[in-house]
Every structure is written in structure tokens, then in C-alpha cells.
Amino acid sequence: MLLTRGDWRNKVKVLATTVLMGLFASITPQAPAAAAPPVDYYAAAQGKHGAALKAALHTIISTRVTTLRYGQIWDVIKEADRDPANPRNVIGIYSGWSMPWTDHGSGPGQWNREHVWAKSHGNFATAPGPGTDAHHLRPENVEVNEERGHLDFDEGGRPSHYAPNNHLDADSWEPRDEAKGDVARMIFYMAVRWDERRRDLEPDDRTTGDDGPRHGRISALLKWNDEDPPDAFERHRNDVIFEHWQHNRNPFIDHPEWVDDVYGGPRPVAGR
């Protein structure tokens, strides 16, 4: 069958569109690939459950660790929280905004270092230790960070004034859906890593906002861990901190099923 000039033009348009779509697909940034943890990294935890598993994980992630200074966290975030679509930016943990890495500080519109385990929950400030543990320090817009403050985590409330995909009330903060599992696994990591005689951080089922070494609400955190499993961004962040900075891992990113094993599995979220 002979093709008319119009038919040829249409075929050329379709071919050009197909080529361009393939080209754009090939250059669209993807989330960095995550590496598996070293084969023997969790060997001492295998076959253990409950308190025994928690104790084994504490030893594993507290051994041969590099303690960072607070000033180093800017550079950790630059690498670990880099936006795959714009390598000069970092992604806010609550807002999800892509923010220029260089625009960090304490001024309006800038981003700073958010302590996901609020540093007032244990009064550890920013001295080397839990206050500089990179696994729970994330970038966030200054105003969003201040709005979250030291609130516990739970479900419900009004939309955030600055980042309305988050919610808050007088005693709790609910992060956006895409960050809920991340938040939960950071809180559980902190409770295992800093399970020490002089500073025993523990999650509980309260939203009191007090300055004790505790963080809530565990029923919501257990639910979020199940509903929002680790994605490539979270796994890559775990790799970066392990390989280049702190030299320990968040075991609940590598094995999210261990959250239920250590903390007893999902339970009904307490009423508001």
C-alpha cells in the first residue's frame, strides 16, 4: 500500500516522539541503588527474638562506630539526603521539598538539621552522641522544623501551616505518608542504639511532650513501619552513613520485620 505525504509525516512524528520519550526516560534521575549489608554484619542477631534480638542489635550497631561532630552533619546530609532528580539539592523529611544544599542555616526559608528523635526527649542537645547520630538527623525547612518542635508522633490534628501534607495538634505531629515508615524506623533505631545505663531511650505509647528519655506514640510507629516499608532512598541513605560516615547501620531498614519482633508487633492506635 502506498503512503501519502500526510501518512509519512504522521509516521515521522510518531517515530520522533518515541525516540524522544526513550531519550528522556534514559536520563531521568532514578533513586540510587541500595547495596546489601555485609554478609556477616547481622550474624550475631540470627535466630534471636525479643529482648535477646534487641540486645544483639545494640551490640552490633554500637561496635566500631565513628562518633560525629554536629558540624559534620551538614556534609552527611549533603550526601545522604541528596535529591536524585537534582544532586545540588536535599529533600526535606517532612515537607518532601527539594532544597538547595547551600541554603542551610537558621534564617527564614533556609533548611536546618532536624532531630527526628527530639533532642529534648532525653536532653542530649547536640553534644557528640545521640545528638549527632546521623541516622535520625534529617534536613528540613526552618519553619517546618520549628512547627514540629519537640512533639511526639501520632495520627490526627490540623494540617501544618507550612507543609500541609503533615498534621499536628497540641501534643503530636503526623508526618506525610511517604515519611511515616522512615520516622518509625529512626525512632526504633535510636531506642536500640542508645539503650544504655546512663541514657536509656525508649519508645512508649504516650504523647506527653515531657523531657524524659522517651518518645511516642509506639502504636502509631508500629503501624507506620508496616504501612510504609523502606524504599530505595531510605536504603541508600543507610548505605551512605554506614560506608562513609558513622560505620553502623539502621537494622530496621535492612530488616523492617525486626521491629515487630523486638517491640511486639502492631497494636491499636490509642484514641485521640
Protein backbone atom coordinates (compact mmCIF):
# COMPACT_ATOMS: atom_id res chain seq x y z
CA MET A 1 0.00 0.00 0.00
CA LEU A 2 1.37 3.41 -0.99
CA LEU A 3 1.66 6.01 1.76
CA THR A 4 0.55 9.58 1.14
CA ARG A 5 2.69 12.57 2.14
CA GLY A 6 0.41 13.06 5.15
CA ASP A 7 0.89 9.41 6.20
CA TRP A 8 4.67 9.81 6.05
CA ARG A 9 4.51 12.98 8.14
CA ASN A 10 2.44 11.17 10.76
CA LYS A 11 4.87 8.23 10.85
CA VAL A 12 7.84 10.59 11.26
CA LYS A 13 6.07 12.40 14.12
CA VAL A 14 5.34 9.11 15.90
CA LEU A 15 8.92 7.91 15.42
CA ALA A 16 10.36 11.20 16.69
CA THR A 17 8.08 11.16 19.73
CA THR A 18 9.10 7.58 20.54
CA VAL A 19 12.80 8.41 20.27
CA LEU A 20 12.44 11.50 22.47
CA MET A 21 10.46 9.61 25.10
CA GLY A 22 13.14 6.93 25.19
CA LEU A 23 15.85 9.57 25.49
CA PHE A 24 14.08 11.35 28.36
CA ALA A 25 13.48 8.04 30.14
CA SER A 26 17.16 7.19 29.88
CA ILE A 27 18.25 10.45 31.52
CA THR A 28 15.51 10.79 34.15
CA PRO A 29 17.26 10.57 37.53
CA GLN A 30 16.44 7.46 39.50
CA ALA A 31 16.77 6.78 43.21
CA PRO A 32 20.30 5.50 43.90
CA ALA A 33 20.66 1.74 44.02
CA ALA A 34 20.99 0.32 47.52
CA ALA A 35 23.72 -2.11 48.49
CA ALA A 36 23.19 -5.13 50.70
CA PRO A 37 24.77 -5.02 54.16
CA PRO A 38 27.97 -7.06 54.62
CA VAL A 39 27.14 -10.76 54.73
CA ASP A 40 28.18 -11.23 58.36
CA TYR A 41 27.04 -7.86 59.71
CA TYR A 42 23.98 -9.31 61.47
CA ALA A 43 25.39 -12.76 62.16
CA ALA A 44 25.15 -12.33 65.95
CA ALA A 45 21.44 -11.48 65.68
CA GLN A 46 20.40 -14.52 63.69
CA GLY A 47 17.97 -16.83 65.48
CA LYS A 48 17.28 -14.36 68.30
CA HIS A 49 13.94 -12.79 69.20
CA GLY A 50 12.51 -10.17 71.51
CA ALA A 51 14.86 -8.83 74.19
CA ALA A 52 17.69 -11.09 73.03
CA LEU A 53 17.41 -9.71 69.50
CA LYS A 54 17.36 -6.14 70.80
CA ALA A 55 20.49 -6.75 72.88
CA ALA A 56 22.31 -8.34 69.93
CA LEU A 57 21.39 -5.45 67.63
CA HIS A 58 22.52 -2.92 70.22
CA THR A 59 25.95 -4.54 70.36
CA ILE A 60 26.22 -4.75 66.57
CA ILE A 61 25.31 -1.12 65.86
CA SER A 62 27.36 0.23 68.78
CA THR A 63 30.62 -1.50 67.79
CA ARG A 64 33.38 0.20 65.76
CA VAL A 65 31.20 3.29 65.29
CA THR A 66 32.57 6.71 64.37
CA THR A 67 31.08 9.42 66.59
CA LEU A 68 30.42 12.53 64.54
CA ARG A 69 30.57 16.18 65.47
CA TYR A 70 27.45 18.25 64.96
CA GLY A 71 29.17 20.39 62.35
CA GLN A 72 29.84 17.31 60.21
CA ILE A 73 26.12 16.63 59.83
CA TRP A 74 25.81 19.29 57.11
CA ASP A 75 28.12 17.22 54.91
CA VAL A 76 26.45 13.93 55.86
CA ILE A 77 23.09 15.34 54.79
CA LYS A 78 24.56 16.73 51.57
CA GLU A 79 25.43 13.17 50.56
CA ALA A 80 22.84 11.03 52.32
CA ASP A 81 19.72 13.14 51.61
CA ARG A 82 20.63 14.26 48.10
CA ASP A 83 17.71 14.67 45.71
CA PRO A 84 18.19 12.06 42.94
CA ALA A 85 16.48 14.43 40.49
CA ASN A 86 18.69 17.40 41.45
CA PRO A 87 22.04 16.44 43.01
CA ARG A 88 22.61 20.02 44.24
CA ASN A 89 19.53 19.76 46.47
CA VAL A 90 18.46 17.77 49.52
CA ILE A 91 14.96 16.51 50.35
CA GLY A 92 13.12 17.60 53.48
CA ILE A 93 11.98 14.72 55.66
CA TYR A 94 8.52 16.12 56.44
CA SER A 95 7.84 18.57 53.63
CA GLY A 96 9.33 16.46 50.84
CA TRP A 97 10.65 19.71 49.38
CA SER A 98 13.80 19.76 47.26
CA MET A 99 16.02 22.45 48.81
CA PRO A 100 19.43 23.80 47.65
CA TRP A 101 22.14 22.19 49.77
CA THR A 102 23.97 25.50 50.12
CA ASP A 103 20.92 27.27 51.58
CA HIS A 104 21.22 25.86 55.09
CA GLY A 105 21.22 27.82 58.33
CA SER A 106 18.70 29.29 60.75
CA GLY A 107 17.16 32.04 58.64
CA PRO A 108 13.63 32.15 57.21
CA GLY A 109 13.26 29.90 54.17
CA GLN A 110 16.52 28.06 54.84
CA TRP A 111 16.79 24.44 55.99
CA ASN A 112 18.45 23.08 59.09
CA ARG A 113 19.15 19.79 60.88
CA GLU A 114 16.01 18.18 62.27
CA HIS A 115 16.37 15.79 65.21
CA VAL A 116 13.66 13.24 64.44
CA TRP A 117 14.07 11.91 67.98
CA ALA A 118 13.53 15.33 69.55
CA LYS A 119 16.67 16.24 71.46
CA SER A 120 14.61 17.49 74.41
CA HIS A 121 13.35 13.91 74.87
CA GLY A 122 16.39 12.98 76.91
CA ASN A 123 18.06 16.40 76.99
CA PHE A 124 21.05 15.27 74.94
CA ALA A 125 21.37 18.54 72.98
CA THR A 126 23.99 18.46 70.18
CA ALA A 127 26.99 17.06 72.04
CA PRO A 128 28.61 14.06 70.31
CA GLY A 129 26.39 11.04 70.88
CA PRO A 130 22.65 10.77 70.27
CA GLY A 131 22.51 14.47 69.39
CA THR A 132 24.88 13.90 66.45
CA ASP A 133 23.72 10.44 65.36
CA ALA A 134 23.28 10.81 61.61
CA HIS A 135 20.65 8.09 61.39
CA HIS A 136 17.99 10.42 62.84
CA LEU A 137 19.23 13.82 61.66
CA ARG A 138 17.43 14.95 58.51
CA PRO A 139 17.13 18.19 56.53
CA GLU A 140 14.00 20.28 56.92
CA ASN A 141 12.84 23.81 56.24
CA VAL A 142 13.38 26.04 59.29
CA GLU A 143 9.70 26.97 59.66
CA VAL A 144 8.52 23.36 59.30
CA ASN A 145 11.16 22.23 61.79
CA GLU A 146 10.06 24.86 64.30
CA GLU A 147 6.40 23.93 63.83
CA ARG A 148 7.13 20.30 64.62
CA GLY A 149 9.23 21.36 67.61
CA HIS A 150 9.60 18.50 70.10
CA LEU A 151 6.17 16.95 69.54
CA ASP A 152 5.69 13.21 69.81
CA PHE A 153 4.49 11.33 66.76
CA ASP A 154 0.87 10.25 66.37
CA GLU A 155 -2.07 10.43 63.97
CA GLY A 156 -4.55 13.29 63.61
CA GLY A 157 -4.71 17.03 64.01
CA ARG A 158 -4.91 20.01 61.68
CA PRO A 159 -2.78 20.45 58.54
CA SER A 160 0.62 22.02 59.09
CA HIS A 161 0.64 25.72 58.22
CA TYR A 162 3.84 25.38 56.20
CA ALA A 163 3.70 21.78 54.94
CA PRO A 164 0.01 20.78 54.85
CA ASN A 165 0.74 17.16 53.97
CA ASN A 166 1.69 16.86 57.67
CA HIS A 167 -0.70 17.26 60.62
CA LEU A 168 -0.32 18.38 64.22
CA ASP A 169 -2.19 19.11 67.41
CA ALA A 170 -1.17 20.22 70.89
CA ASP A 171 0.92 17.13 71.66
CA SER A 172 1.77 15.30 68.41
CA TRP A 173 2.98 15.52 64.83
CA GLU A 174 1.85 13.26 61.96
CA PRO A 175 4.34 13.28 59.07
CA ARG A 176 3.38 12.91 55.42
CA ASP A 177 2.54 9.34 54.39
CA GLU A 178 5.79 8.90 52.45
CA ALA A 179 7.87 9.63 55.56
CA LYS A 180 5.91 7.69 58.19
CA GLY A 181 7.88 4.46 57.94
CA ASP A 182 11.17 6.38 57.81
CA VAL A 183 10.26 8.21 61.02
CA ALA A 184 9.23 5.00 62.76
CA ARG A 185 12.45 3.17 61.87
CA MET A 186 14.56 6.12 63.02
CA ILE A 187 12.81 6.18 66.40
CA PHE A 188 13.24 2.41 66.85
CA TYR A 189 16.90 2.66 65.79
CA MET A 190 17.56 5.35 68.40
CA ALA A 191 15.93 3.25 71.12
CA VAL A 192 18.19 0.29 70.33
CA ARG A 193 21.40 2.21 69.65
CA TRP A 194 21.11 4.38 72.77
CA ASP A 195 19.85 1.69 75.11
CA GLU A 196 22.42 2.48 77.79
CA ARG A 197 22.56 2.57 81.57
CA ARG A 198 23.10 6.32 81.74
CA ARG A 199 20.84 7.17 78.80
CA ASP A 200 18.14 4.63 78.00
CA LEU A 201 15.96 5.95 75.18
CA GLU A 202 12.67 4.08 74.84
CA PRO A 203 9.50 4.45 72.76
CA ASP A 204 6.21 4.38 74.66
CA ASP A 205 2.52 4.89 73.94
CA ARG A 206 2.21 8.43 75.27
CA THR A 207 2.26 11.91 73.74
CA THR A 208 3.21 13.87 76.81
CA GLY A 209 5.87 16.16 75.40
CA ASP A 210 7.95 15.83 78.57
CA ASP A 211 11.75 15.84 78.61
CA GLY A 212 12.20 12.24 79.69
CA PRO A 213 14.27 9.84 77.52
CA ARG A 214 11.17 8.53 75.74
CA HIS A 215 9.27 9.11 72.51
CA GLY A 216 5.75 8.23 71.43
CA ARG A 217 3.44 7.03 70.23
CA ILE A 218 4.65 3.47 69.72
CA SER A 219 1.29 2.16 68.49
CA ALA A 220 1.35 4.65 65.61
CA LEU A 221 5.04 3.97 64.89
CA LEU A 222 4.47 0.21 64.65
CA LYS A 223 1.61 0.81 62.25
CA TRP A 224 3.66 3.17 60.10
CA ASN A 225 6.56 0.73 59.89
CA ASP A 226 4.20 -1.84 58.37
CA GLU A 227 2.36 0.57 56.07
CA ASP A 228 5.40 2.38 54.65
CA PRO A 229 8.25 -0.10 54.01
CA PRO A 230 11.79 1.08 53.19
CA ASP A 231 12.25 2.48 49.70
CA ALA A 232 15.39 2.92 47.62
CA PHE A 233 16.06 6.43 49.01
CA GLU A 234 15.94 5.24 52.63
CA ARG A 235 18.11 2.18 51.91
CA HIS A 236 20.67 4.27 50.04
CA ARG A 237 20.82 6.71 52.96
CA ASN A 238 21.55 3.78 55.28
CA ASP A 239 24.39 2.71 52.98
CA VAL A 240 25.93 6.19 52.84
CA ILE A 241 26.00 6.58 56.62
CA PHE A 242 27.45 3.10 57.05
CA GLU A 243 30.07 3.26 54.31
CA HIS A 244 31.25 6.88 54.50
CA TRP A 245 30.42 8.35 57.90
CA GLN A 246 29.28 6.54 61.02
CA HIS A 247 30.06 2.95 60.03
CA ASN A 248 26.92 1.47 61.53
CA ARG A 249 23.54 0.65 60.06
CA ASN A 250 19.90 1.08 60.96
CA PRO A 251 18.89 -2.59 61.25
CA PHE A 252 15.20 -1.80 60.86
CA ILE A 253 15.81 -0.51 57.34
CA ASP A 254 17.61 -3.72 56.40
CA HIS A 255 15.10 -5.86 58.32
CA PRO A 256 11.83 -3.97 58.96
CA GLU A 257 10.30 -7.21 60.25
CA TRP A 258 12.58 -6.99 63.28
CA VAL A 259 10.54 -4.02 64.56
CA ASP A 260 7.60 -6.32 65.32
CA ASP A 261 9.95 -8.95 66.74
CA VAL A 262 11.57 -6.51 69.18
CA TYR A 263 8.57 -4.35 70.03
CA GLY A 264 5.71 -6.82 69.90
CA GLY A 265 4.00 -6.06 66.61
CA PRO A 266 1.24 -3.63 65.67
CA ARG A 267 -1.28 -2.65 68.33
CA PRO A 268 -4.39 -0.45 68.15
CA VAL A 269 -3.52 3.24 67.93
CA ALA A 270 -4.68 4.91 71.12
CA GLY A 271 -7.75 7.10 70.85
CA ARG A 272 -7.34 10.83 70.40
